[in-house]
Amino acid sequence: MRRKSTAERLRNERILLILHTVLACIGAIFTASAVFSAIASAVDLSDGTFTVMSSFALCAGCFSAGFTAANRRGRNGIKSGLACGLVIFAFTLIFGFIFVKSFSFGGFFTKMLIILICSALGGVIGVNSPKRFR
């Protein structure tokens, strides 16, 4: 059995970082959506409330992605968080074009601000919190 080179180790660490970050984001969005769905099924809510709930679920996912990436990386928290936010925003924008087939500038900038702020905040908090698992 041969030892892995430095390049192979770095590549594997990057792949694991991306995998953990994506799983944290999806898990947080799914959990928040499940909680909000339970609330919505128990209480009669207006249409505007569903928009707020979906925005909070997106915030939770962006925060957890930035937190996980910065915590596992251990440095450059705001940079890691913003990078995660840009990737999440790109996916949100692409899937929005595919499924909704409409575009509004107000929603575009609001969603971009929400995603970037939450993921950057998660990155700052993630890099400053202690690592629990390695």
Protein backbone atom coordinates (compact mmCIF):
# COMPACT_ATOMS: atom_id res chain seq x y z
CA MET A 1 0.00 0.00 0.00
CA ARG A 2 1.47 3.32 -1.03
CA ARG A 3 1.21 6.64 0.75
CA LYS A 4 -0.88 9.36 -0.80
CA SER A 5 0.92 12.34 -2.21
CA THR A 6 0.24 15.85 -0.96
CA ALA A 7 -1.78 16.66 -4.07
CA GLU A 8 -3.98 13.60 -3.57
CA ARG A 9 -4.55 14.42 0.09
CA LEU A 10 -5.49 18.02 -0.73
CA ARG A 11 -7.86 16.87 -3.46
CA ASN A 12 -9.53 14.41 -1.09
CA GLU A 13 -9.83 17.10 1.61
CA ARG A 14 -11.46 19.50 -0.86
CA ILE A 15 -13.90 16.83 -2.01
CA LEU A 16 -14.82 16.03 1.60
CA LEU A 17 -15.19 19.72 2.39
CA ILE A 18 -17.58 20.22 -0.53
CA LEU A 19 -19.51 17.07 0.35
CA HIS A 20 -19.94 18.04 4.01
CA THR A 21 -20.92 21.57 3.06
CA VAL A 22 -23.56 20.42 0.58
CA LEU A 23 -24.97 17.90 3.05
CA ALA A 24 -25.15 20.54 5.80
CA CYS A 25 -26.94 22.96 3.47
CA ILE A 26 -29.45 20.39 2.23
CA GLY A 27 -30.01 19.07 5.75
CA ALA A 28 -30.70 22.52 7.17
CA ILE A 29 -33.05 23.45 4.33
CA PHE A 30 -34.89 20.14 4.65
CA THR A 31 -35.21 20.45 8.44
CA ALA A 32 -36.41 24.05 8.29
CA SER A 33 -38.86 23.20 5.51
CA ALA A 34 -40.22 20.23 7.47
CA VAL A 35 -40.74 22.38 10.57
CA PHE A 36 -42.41 25.13 8.56
CA SER A 37 -44.59 22.56 6.77
CA ALA A 38 -45.77 21.19 10.11
CA ILE A 39 -46.59 24.71 11.26
CA ALA A 40 -48.38 25.50 8.00
CA SER A 41 -50.48 22.34 8.21
CA ALA A 42 -51.53 23.10 11.79
CA VAL A 43 -52.33 26.79 11.29
CA ASP A 44 -54.05 28.68 8.47
CA LEU A 45 -51.40 31.02 7.00
CA SER A 46 -51.42 33.70 4.33
CA ASP A 47 -49.43 33.50 1.10
CA GLY A 48 -46.93 36.09 2.30
CA THR A 49 -46.08 33.94 5.28
CA PHE A 50 -45.02 31.08 3.00
CA THR A 51 -42.58 33.41 1.25
CA VAL A 52 -41.06 34.42 4.58
CA MET A 53 -40.83 30.78 5.66
CA SER A 54 -39.05 29.78 2.45
CA SER A 55 -36.63 32.70 2.89
CA PHE A 56 -35.87 31.55 6.44
CA ALA A 57 -35.25 28.00 5.20
CA LEU A 58 -32.86 29.38 2.58
CA CYS A 59 -31.12 31.45 5.27
CA ALA A 60 -30.71 28.37 7.45
CA GLY A 61 -29.18 26.42 4.58
CA CYS A 62 -26.80 29.21 3.60
CA PHE A 63 -25.74 29.78 7.20
CA SER A 64 -25.04 26.09 7.76
CA ALA A 65 -23.09 25.80 4.49
CA GLY A 66 -20.89 28.79 5.35
CA PHE A 67 -20.47 27.58 8.94
CA THR A 68 -19.48 24.05 7.89
CA ALA A 69 -17.05 25.18 5.21
CA ALA A 70 -15.30 27.72 7.42
CA ASN A 71 -15.24 25.45 10.46
CA ARG A 72 -13.71 22.54 8.56
CA ARG A 73 -11.28 24.78 6.70
CA GLY A 74 -10.24 26.72 9.79
CA ARG A 75 -9.29 29.99 8.09
CA ASN A 76 -10.71 32.74 5.85
CA GLY A 77 -14.22 32.46 7.25
CA ILE A 78 -15.84 35.33 5.39
CA LYS A 79 -14.17 34.26 2.14
CA SER A 80 -15.35 30.66 2.57
CA GLY A 81 -18.85 31.81 3.46
CA LEU A 82 -19.10 34.15 0.48
CA ALA A 83 -17.82 31.43 -1.85
CA CYS A 84 -20.52 29.07 -0.56
CA GLY A 85 -23.08 31.85 -0.92
CA LEU A 86 -22.12 32.53 -4.53
CA VAL A 87 -22.39 28.85 -5.41
CA ILE A 88 -25.78 28.55 -3.68
CA PHE A 89 -26.99 31.72 -5.41
CA ALA A 90 -25.89 30.39 -8.79
CA PHE A 91 -27.79 27.14 -8.22
CA THR A 92 -30.84 29.03 -6.97
CA LEU A 93 -30.77 31.31 -10.00
CA ILE A 94 -30.33 28.44 -12.48
CA PHE A 95 -33.07 26.30 -10.94
CA GLY A 96 -35.32 29.34 -10.71
CA PHE A 97 -34.95 29.93 -14.44
CA ILE A 98 -35.60 26.25 -15.18
CA PHE A 99 -38.64 25.71 -12.98
CA VAL A 100 -40.28 29.11 -12.54
CA LYS A 101 -39.40 30.54 -15.97
CA SER A 102 -39.63 34.13 -14.78
CA PHE A 103 -37.27 36.78 -13.50
CA SER A 104 -37.75 39.80 -11.24
CA PHE A 105 -35.00 42.22 -10.32
CA GLY A 106 -36.45 42.84 -6.86
CA GLY A 107 -36.44 39.16 -6.00
CA PHE A 108 -33.01 38.74 -7.60
CA PHE A 109 -31.24 41.31 -5.43
CA THR A 110 -33.15 40.44 -2.27
CA LYS A 111 -32.35 36.75 -2.64
CA MET A 112 -28.72 37.54 -3.45
CA LEU A 113 -28.38 39.72 -0.34
CA ILE A 114 -30.04 37.13 1.89
CA ILE A 115 -27.85 34.32 0.61
CA LEU A 116 -24.56 36.24 0.75
CA ILE A 117 -25.19 37.76 4.18
CA CYS A 118 -26.29 34.49 5.78
CA SER A 119 -23.47 32.44 4.30
CA ALA A 120 -20.84 35.07 5.18
CA LEU A 121 -22.20 35.27 8.73
CA GLY A 122 -22.05 31.47 8.95
CA GLY A 123 -18.46 31.57 7.72
CA VAL A 124 -17.42 34.14 10.31
CA ILE A 125 -19.07 32.25 13.15
CA GLY A 126 -17.80 28.90 11.82
CA VAL A 127 -14.16 29.92 11.67
CA ASN A 128 -14.33 31.38 15.19
CA SER A 129 -16.01 28.37 16.77
CA PRO A 130 -14.01 25.38 18.02
CA LYS A 131 -13.73 22.30 15.87
CA ARG A 132 -15.59 19.41 17.41
CA PHE A 133 -14.89 16.71 14.84
CA ARG A 134 -11.92 16.06 12.63
